[in-house]
């Protein structure tokens, strides 16, 4: 109904992962109550990388950069996913 929402992803990994960065693809909010169906969906495929969909604002809780962008490198569903790299201190 026109309200803003904010999603927060808190991600971590152990030392067995060798790739840098985090990827998010295929987000859905599904209503199981008084409404039905998908309330929101995003697969990041409707933009040209590195752009984000309209009304998406990149942010990083640990500082000004790196920020989220779209990437074509290894999406779950082609052509894009959302991607960010860890900052030099390793924190996200």
N, C-alpha and C. Protein backbone atom coordinates (compact mmCIF):
# COMPACT_ATOMS: atom_id res chain seq x y z
N UNK A 1 0.81 -1.18 0.00
CA UNK A 1 0.00 0.00 0.00
C UNK A 1 0.87 1.26 0.00
N UNK A 2 1.96 1.22 -0.71
CA UNK A 2 2.82 2.37 -0.85
C UNK A 2 3.85 2.55 0.24
N UNK A 3 3.98 1.61 1.16
CA UNK A 3 4.95 1.71 2.25
C UNK A 3 6.33 1.29 1.77
N UNK A 4 7.36 1.92 2.32
CA UNK A 4 8.73 1.50 2.05
C UNK A 4 9.10 0.32 2.93
N UNK A 5 9.89 -0.57 2.39
CA UNK A 5 10.39 -1.70 3.17
C UNK A 5 11.91 -1.74 3.03
N UNK A 6 12.56 -2.32 4.01
CA UNK A 6 14.01 -2.47 3.96
C UNK A 6 14.35 -3.92 4.27
N UNK A 7 15.20 -4.49 3.43
CA UNK A 7 15.67 -5.85 3.65
C UNK A 7 17.10 -5.78 4.13
N UNK A 8 17.43 -6.62 5.05
CA UNK A 8 18.80 -6.68 5.55
C UNK A 8 19.27 -8.12 5.45
N UNK A 9 20.40 -8.29 4.79
CA UNK A 9 21.02 -9.60 4.71
C UNK A 9 22.24 -9.60 5.59
N UNK A 10 22.27 -10.51 6.51
CA UNK A 10 23.44 -10.66 7.38
C UNK A 10 24.09 -11.97 6.96
N UNK A 11 25.28 -11.87 6.39
CA UNK A 11 25.92 -13.02 5.80
C UNK A 11 27.27 -13.28 6.44
N UNK A 12 27.60 -14.55 6.50
CA UNK A 12 28.90 -14.94 7.04
C UNK A 12 29.31 -16.25 6.38
N UNK A 13 30.56 -16.58 6.49
CA UNK A 13 31.06 -17.81 5.90
C UNK A 13 32.22 -18.33 6.73
N UNK A 14 32.52 -19.60 6.55
CA UNK A 14 33.71 -20.14 7.20
C UNK A 14 34.89 -20.06 6.23
N UNK A 15 36.01 -20.60 6.59
CA UNK A 15 37.21 -20.49 5.76
C UNK A 15 37.22 -21.44 4.57
N UNK A 16 36.19 -22.26 4.37
CA UNK A 16 36.18 -23.18 3.24
C UNK A 16 35.74 -22.50 1.95
N UNK A 17 35.23 -21.28 2.03
CA UNK A 17 34.77 -20.55 0.85
C UNK A 17 35.92 -19.69 0.33
N UNK A 18 36.23 -19.83 -0.97
CA UNK A 18 37.38 -19.11 -1.51
C UNK A 18 37.01 -17.93 -2.40
N UNK A 19 35.74 -17.79 -2.79
CA UNK A 19 35.34 -16.67 -3.64
C UNK A 19 35.09 -15.43 -2.80
N UNK A 20 35.43 -14.26 -3.36
CA UNK A 20 35.16 -12.99 -2.70
C UNK A 20 33.76 -12.53 -3.02
N UNK A 21 33.10 -11.93 -2.04
CA UNK A 21 31.83 -11.28 -2.27
C UNK A 21 30.63 -12.12 -1.90
N UNK A 22 29.45 -11.49 -2.05
CA UNK A 22 28.17 -12.12 -1.74
C UNK A 22 27.23 -11.88 -2.90
N UNK A 23 26.39 -12.85 -3.20
CA UNK A 23 25.44 -12.74 -4.31
C UNK A 23 24.03 -13.05 -3.82
N UNK A 24 23.07 -12.29 -4.31
CA UNK A 24 21.65 -12.49 -4.00
C UNK A 24 20.90 -12.52 -5.32
N UNK A 25 19.99 -13.47 -5.48
CA UNK A 25 19.22 -13.61 -6.70
C UNK A 25 17.84 -14.16 -6.34
N UNK A 26 16.85 -13.82 -7.13
CA UNK A 26 15.50 -14.37 -7.02
C UNK A 26 14.87 -14.18 -5.64
N UNK A 27 14.52 -12.96 -5.31
CA UNK A 27 13.85 -12.62 -4.05
C UNK A 27 12.35 -12.63 -4.27
N UNK A 28 11.59 -13.24 -3.33
CA UNK A 28 10.13 -13.22 -3.40
C UNK A 28 9.55 -13.04 -2.01
N UNK A 29 8.50 -12.23 -1.90
CA UNK A 29 7.68 -12.15 -0.71
C UNK A 29 6.33 -12.74 -1.07
N UNK A 30 5.93 -13.77 -0.36
CA UNK A 30 4.68 -14.47 -0.68
C UNK A 30 3.73 -14.35 0.50
N UNK A 31 2.51 -13.97 0.23
CA UNK A 31 1.49 -13.80 1.27
C UNK A 31 0.77 -15.13 1.51
N UNK A 32 0.70 -15.52 2.77
CA UNK A 32 -0.01 -16.75 3.12
C UNK A 32 -1.19 -16.48 4.04
N UNK A 33 -1.58 -15.22 4.18
CA UNK A 33 -2.65 -14.85 5.10
C UNK A 33 -3.90 -14.43 4.37
N UNK A 34 -4.37 -13.21 4.66
CA UNK A 34 -5.61 -12.70 4.08
C UNK A 34 -5.49 -12.42 2.59
N UNK A 35 -4.28 -12.33 2.08
CA UNK A 35 -4.07 -12.13 0.65
C UNK A 35 -3.47 -13.41 0.06
N UNK A 36 -3.26 -13.42 -1.23
CA UNK A 36 -2.66 -14.61 -1.82
C UNK A 36 -1.71 -14.20 -2.93
N UNK A 37 -0.77 -15.06 -3.23
CA UNK A 37 0.14 -14.81 -4.33
C UNK A 37 1.43 -14.13 -3.91
N UNK A 38 2.20 -13.76 -4.91
CA UNK A 38 3.48 -13.11 -4.69
C UNK A 38 3.26 -11.61 -4.53
N UNK A 39 3.69 -11.07 -3.40
CA UNK A 39 3.56 -9.64 -3.14
C UNK A 39 4.68 -8.85 -3.78
N UNK A 40 5.82 -9.46 -3.92
CA UNK A 40 7.00 -8.79 -4.46
C UNK A 40 7.95 -9.84 -5.00
N UNK A 41 8.59 -9.54 -6.10
CA UNK A 41 9.61 -10.43 -6.65
C UNK A 41 10.70 -9.62 -7.34
N UNK A 42 11.92 -10.08 -7.25
CA UNK A 42 13.03 -9.40 -7.91
C UNK A 42 14.10 -10.43 -8.25
N UNK A 43 14.52 -10.46 -9.52
CA UNK A 43 15.61 -11.34 -9.91
C UNK A 43 16.79 -10.56 -10.48
N UNK A 44 16.70 -9.22 -10.48
CA UNK A 44 17.76 -8.32 -10.92
C UNK A 44 18.09 -8.45 -12.40
N UNK A 45 17.20 -9.07 -13.19
CA UNK A 45 17.47 -9.29 -14.61
C UNK A 45 16.95 -8.18 -15.52
N UNK A 46 16.20 -7.23 -14.99
CA UNK A 46 15.62 -6.18 -15.81
C UNK A 46 16.49 -4.94 -15.95
N UNK A 47 17.73 -5.01 -15.51
CA UNK A 47 18.64 -3.86 -15.59
C UNK A 47 19.94 -4.28 -16.27
N UNK A 48 20.69 -3.30 -16.71
CA UNK A 48 22.01 -3.56 -17.28
C UNK A 48 23.04 -3.43 -16.16
N UNK A 49 23.84 -4.46 -15.95
CA UNK A 49 24.87 -4.44 -14.91
C UNK A 49 25.85 -3.30 -15.19
N UNK A 50 26.27 -2.56 -14.18
CA UNK A 50 26.14 -2.79 -12.74
C UNK A 50 24.96 -2.06 -12.09
N UNK A 51 23.98 -1.59 -12.87
CA UNK A 51 22.87 -0.83 -12.31
C UNK A 51 21.96 -1.67 -11.44
N UNK A 52 21.28 -1.01 -10.50
CA UNK A 52 20.28 -1.66 -9.65
C UNK A 52 18.89 -1.29 -10.16
N UNK A 53 17.87 -2.10 -9.84
CA UNK A 53 16.51 -1.75 -10.23
C UNK A 53 16.11 -0.38 -9.66
N UNK A 54 15.17 0.29 -10.34
CA UNK A 54 14.72 1.59 -9.85
C UNK A 54 14.16 1.44 -8.43
N UNK A 55 14.34 2.45 -7.63
CA UNK A 55 13.91 2.50 -6.23
C UNK A 55 14.73 1.62 -5.30
N UNK A 56 15.78 1.00 -5.78
CA UNK A 56 16.70 0.26 -4.91
C UNK A 56 17.84 1.19 -4.56
N UNK A 57 18.18 1.25 -3.29
CA UNK A 57 19.25 2.13 -2.82
C UNK A 57 20.32 1.27 -2.17
N UNK A 58 21.54 1.27 -2.75
CA UNK A 58 22.60 0.45 -2.15
C UNK A 58 23.11 1.07 -0.87
N UNK A 59 23.41 0.21 0.11
CA UNK A 59 24.03 0.70 1.34
C UNK A 59 24.89 -0.42 1.92
N UNK A 60 25.75 -0.05 2.82
CA UNK A 60 26.64 -1.01 3.46
C UNK A 60 26.78 -0.58 4.91
N UNK A 61 26.37 -1.44 5.82
CA UNK A 61 26.37 -1.10 7.25
C UNK A 61 27.77 -0.84 7.78
N UNK A 62 28.80 -1.36 7.13
CA UNK A 62 30.15 -1.20 7.66
C UNK A 62 30.88 0.00 7.08
N UNK A 63 30.22 0.80 6.25
CA UNK A 63 30.88 1.98 5.72
C UNK A 63 30.38 2.35 4.34
N UNK A 64 31.03 3.32 3.71
CA UNK A 64 30.55 3.84 2.44
C UNK A 64 30.74 2.91 1.24
N UNK A 65 31.67 1.99 1.30
CA UNK A 65 31.86 1.09 0.17
C UNK A 65 32.46 -0.21 0.68
N UNK A 66 32.33 -1.28 -0.04
CA UNK A 66 31.73 -1.40 -1.36
C UNK A 66 30.21 -1.44 -1.27
N UNK A 67 29.56 -0.96 -2.31
CA UNK A 67 28.11 -0.98 -2.35
C UNK A 67 27.62 -2.12 -3.24
N UNK A 68 26.35 -2.43 -3.11
CA UNK A 68 25.74 -3.46 -3.94
C UNK A 68 25.60 -2.98 -5.37
N UNK A 69 25.83 -3.87 -6.33
CA UNK A 69 25.64 -3.64 -7.76
C UNK A 69 25.05 -4.91 -8.36
N UNK A 70 24.63 -4.87 -9.61
CA UNK A 70 24.28 -6.11 -10.28
C UNK A 70 25.51 -6.61 -11.04
N UNK A 71 25.57 -7.92 -11.20
CA UNK A 71 26.71 -8.57 -11.83
C UNK A 71 26.23 -9.68 -12.76
N UNK A 72 26.99 -9.93 -13.81
CA UNK A 72 26.67 -11.01 -14.75
C UNK A 72 27.62 -12.20 -14.57
N UNK A 73 28.47 -12.18 -13.56
CA UNK A 73 29.53 -13.19 -13.42
C UNK A 73 29.00 -14.59 -13.15
N UNK A 74 28.26 -14.80 -12.07
CA UNK A 74 27.75 -16.15 -11.75
C UNK A 74 26.36 -16.10 -11.14
N UNK A 75 25.35 -15.56 -11.84
CA UNK A 75 24.00 -15.50 -11.27
C UNK A 75 23.36 -16.88 -11.17
N UNK A 76 22.46 -17.02 -10.20
CA UNK A 76 21.68 -18.25 -10.08
C UNK A 76 20.73 -18.37 -11.26
N UNK A 77 20.10 -17.24 -11.62
CA UNK A 77 19.27 -17.19 -12.83
C UNK A 77 19.81 -16.06 -13.71
N UNK A 78 20.26 -16.38 -14.88
CA UNK A 78 20.88 -15.40 -15.79
C UNK A 78 19.86 -14.36 -16.22
N UNK A 79 20.29 -13.11 -16.51
CA UNK A 79 21.68 -12.73 -16.67
C UNK A 79 22.33 -12.09 -15.45
N UNK A 80 21.55 -11.65 -14.43
CA UNK A 80 22.13 -10.86 -13.34
C UNK A 80 21.86 -11.43 -11.97
N UNK A 81 22.65 -10.97 -11.00
CA UNK A 81 22.36 -11.10 -9.58
C UNK A 81 22.85 -9.84 -8.90
N UNK A 82 22.53 -9.67 -7.63
CA UNK A 82 23.05 -8.54 -6.86
C UNK A 82 24.33 -9.02 -6.20
N UNK A 83 25.34 -8.15 -6.17
CA UNK A 83 26.67 -8.57 -5.72
C UNK A 83 27.35 -7.45 -4.94
N UNK A 84 28.10 -7.83 -3.92
CA UNK A 84 28.99 -6.91 -3.22
C UNK A 84 30.22 -7.67 -2.77
N UNK A 85 31.32 -6.97 -2.63
CA UNK A 85 32.55 -7.57 -2.14
C UNK A 85 32.81 -7.11 -0.72
N UNK A 86 33.55 -7.90 0.06
CA UNK A 86 33.91 -7.45 1.40
C UNK A 86 34.82 -6.23 1.32
N UNK A 87 34.73 -5.36 2.34
CA UNK A 87 35.65 -4.24 2.36
C UNK A 87 37.04 -4.73 2.79
N UNK A 88 38.07 -3.91 2.68
CA UNK A 88 39.42 -4.38 2.97
C UNK A 88 39.62 -5.00 4.35
N UNK A 89 38.79 -4.63 5.34
CA UNK A 89 38.93 -5.22 6.66
C UNK A 89 38.26 -6.59 6.75
N UNK A 90 37.52 -6.97 5.69
CA UNK A 90 36.83 -8.26 5.67
C UNK A 90 35.42 -8.20 6.22
N UNK A 91 35.00 -7.08 6.79
CA UNK A 91 33.65 -6.95 7.36
C UNK A 91 32.66 -6.59 6.26
N UNK A 92 31.42 -6.95 6.44
CA UNK A 92 30.36 -6.56 5.52
C UNK A 92 29.47 -5.55 6.18
